[in-house]
Amino acid sequence: MLNNIGLPGLLLIAVVVLVLFGRGKISSLMGEVGKGITAFKKGVKDSTDELENQAADEAKDVTPEDEKDKV
């Protein structure tokens, strides 16, 4: 269904949305979408960092016992 829209169809849809909602409403909506994307990226980064820290804490020390005494 959406494979045949093309550039003229997208422009028509954009104009209709602009007429229906107005420039101010669309601008505020895009600002909220941007904040949501930023919050999502921050959440993903925080959870990735947490998993990496947890994996580093659980990592085994595989140094042989006789090598540990030399350091």
C-alpha atoms as a PDB file:
ATOM      1  CA  MET A   1       0.000   0.000   0.000  1.00  0.00           C
ATOM      2  CA  LEU A   2       2.665   2.521   0.994  1.00  0.00           C
ATOM      3  CA  ASN A   3       5.076   1.433  -1.731  1.00  0.00           C
ATOM      4  CA  ASN A   4       3.458   3.661  -4.370  1.00  0.00           C
ATOM      5  CA  ILE A   5       3.246   6.985  -2.496  1.00  0.00           C
ATOM      6  CA  GLY A   6       6.398   8.673  -3.781  1.00  0.00           C
ATOM      7  CA  LEU A   7       7.564  12.231  -3.207  1.00  0.00           C
ATOM      8  CA  PRO A   8       4.449  14.045  -4.509  1.00  0.00           C
ATOM      9  CA  GLY A   9       2.228  11.971  -2.231  1.00  0.00           C
ATOM     10  CA  LEU A  10       4.426  12.652   0.791  1.00  0.00           C
ATOM     11  CA  LEU A  11       4.373  16.376   0.056  1.00  0.00           C
ATOM     12  CA  LEU A  12       0.589  16.311  -0.208  1.00  0.00           C
ATOM     13  CA  ILE A  13       0.305  14.498   3.116  1.00  0.00           C
ATOM     14  CA  ALA A  14       2.685  17.031   4.738  1.00  0.00           C
ATOM     15  CA  VAL A  15       0.626  19.963   3.451  1.00  0.00           C
ATOM     16  CA  VAL A  16      -2.644  18.422   4.684  1.00  0.00           C
ATOM     17  CA  VAL A  17      -1.156  17.777   8.145  1.00  0.00           C
ATOM     18  CA  LEU A  18       0.196  21.329   8.266  1.00  0.00           C
ATOM     19  CA  VAL A  19      -3.197  22.780   7.358  1.00  0.00           C
ATOM     20  CA  LEU A  20      -5.046  20.604   9.873  1.00  0.00           C
ATOM     21  CA  PHE A  21      -2.786  21.076  12.887  1.00  0.00           C
ATOM     22  CA  GLY A  22      -0.956  24.328  12.239  1.00  0.00           C
ATOM     23  CA  ARG A  23       2.731  25.088  12.411  1.00  0.00           C
ATOM     24  CA  GLY A  24       2.862  25.716  16.176  1.00  0.00           C
ATOM     25  CA  LYS A  25       1.259  22.408  17.118  1.00  0.00           C
ATOM     26  CA  ILE A  26       3.535  20.438  14.803  1.00  0.00           C
ATOM     27  CA  SER A  27       6.583  22.274  16.139  1.00  0.00           C
ATOM     28  CA  SER A  28       5.725  21.444  19.744  1.00  0.00           C
ATOM     29  CA  LEU A  29       4.969  17.848  18.786  1.00  0.00           C
ATOM     30  CA  MET A  30       8.363  17.468  17.102  1.00  0.00           C
ATOM     31  CA  GLY A  31      10.016  18.940  20.211  1.00  0.00           C
ATOM     32  CA  GLU A  32       8.335  16.300  22.356  1.00  0.00           C
ATOM     33  CA  VAL A  33       9.379  13.562  19.932  1.00  0.00           C
ATOM     34  CA  GLY A  34      12.975  14.801  20.146  1.00  0.00           C
ATOM     35  CA  LYS A  35      12.874  14.751  23.952  1.00  0.00           C
ATOM     36  CA  GLY A  36      11.494  11.217  23.857  1.00  0.00           C
ATOM     37  CA  ILE A  37      14.237  10.011  21.545  1.00  0.00           C
ATOM     38  CA  THR A  38      16.880  11.635  23.754  1.00  0.00           C
ATOM     39  CA  ALA A  39      15.428  10.002  26.869  1.00  0.00           C
ATOM     40  CA  PHE A  40      15.308   6.617  25.121  1.00  0.00           C
ATOM     41  CA  LYS A  41      18.958   6.869  24.038  1.00  0.00           C
ATOM     42  CA  LYS A  42      19.977   7.868  27.580  1.00  0.00           C
ATOM     43  CA  GLY A  43      18.085   4.898  29.026  1.00  0.00           C
ATOM     44  CA  VAL A  44      19.711   2.476  26.602  1.00  0.00           C
ATOM     45  CA  LYS A  45      23.163   3.894  27.381  1.00  0.00           C
ATOM     46  CA  ASP A  46      22.580   3.708  31.135  1.00  0.00           C
ATOM     47  CA  SER A  47      21.429   0.095  30.990  1.00  0.00           C
ATOM     48  CA  THR A  48      24.351  -0.848  28.746  1.00  0.00           C
ATOM     49  CA  ASP A  49      26.777   0.775  31.173  1.00  0.00           C
ATOM     50  CA  GLU A  50      25.118  -1.029  34.077  1.00  0.00           C
ATOM     51  CA  LEU A  51      25.430  -4.397  32.331  1.00  0.00           C
ATOM     52  CA  GLU A  52      29.084  -3.742  31.484  1.00  0.00           C
ATOM     53  CA  ASN A  53      29.838  -2.796  35.086  1.00  0.00           C
ATOM     54  CA  GLN A  54      28.054  -5.886  36.351  1.00  0.00           C
ATOM     55  CA  ALA A  55      29.999  -8.097  33.931  1.00  0.00           C
ATOM     56  CA  ALA A  56      33.279  -6.474  34.994  1.00  0.00           C
ATOM     57  CA  ASP A  57      32.465  -7.090  38.668  1.00  0.00           C
ATOM     58  CA  GLU A  58      31.695 -10.741  37.999  1.00  0.00           C
ATOM     59  CA  ALA A  59      34.804 -11.319  35.888  1.00  0.00           C
ATOM     60  CA  LYS A  60      37.125 -13.976  37.288  1.00  0.00           C
ATOM     61  CA  ASP A  61      40.744 -13.360  38.019  1.00  0.00           C
ATOM     62  CA  VAL A  62      42.505 -16.095  36.056  1.00  0.00           C
ATOM     63  CA  THR A  63      46.020 -15.175  37.174  1.00  0.00           C
ATOM     64  CA  PRO A  64      47.821 -18.249  38.505  1.00  0.00           C
ATOM     65  CA  GLU A  65      48.351 -18.263  42.281  1.00  0.00           C
ATOM     66  CA  ASP A  66      52.149 -18.151  42.009  1.00  0.00           C
ATOM     67  CA  GLU A  67      51.956 -15.086  39.718  1.00  0.00           C
ATOM     68  CA  LYS A  68      49.713 -13.205  42.176  1.00  0.00           C
ATOM     69  CA  ASP A  69      52.396 -13.317  44.869  1.00  0.00           C
ATOM     70  CA  LYS A  70      55.004 -11.714  42.610  1.00  0.00           C
ATOM     71  CA  VAL A  71      53.023  -8.507  42.073  1.00  0.00           C
END
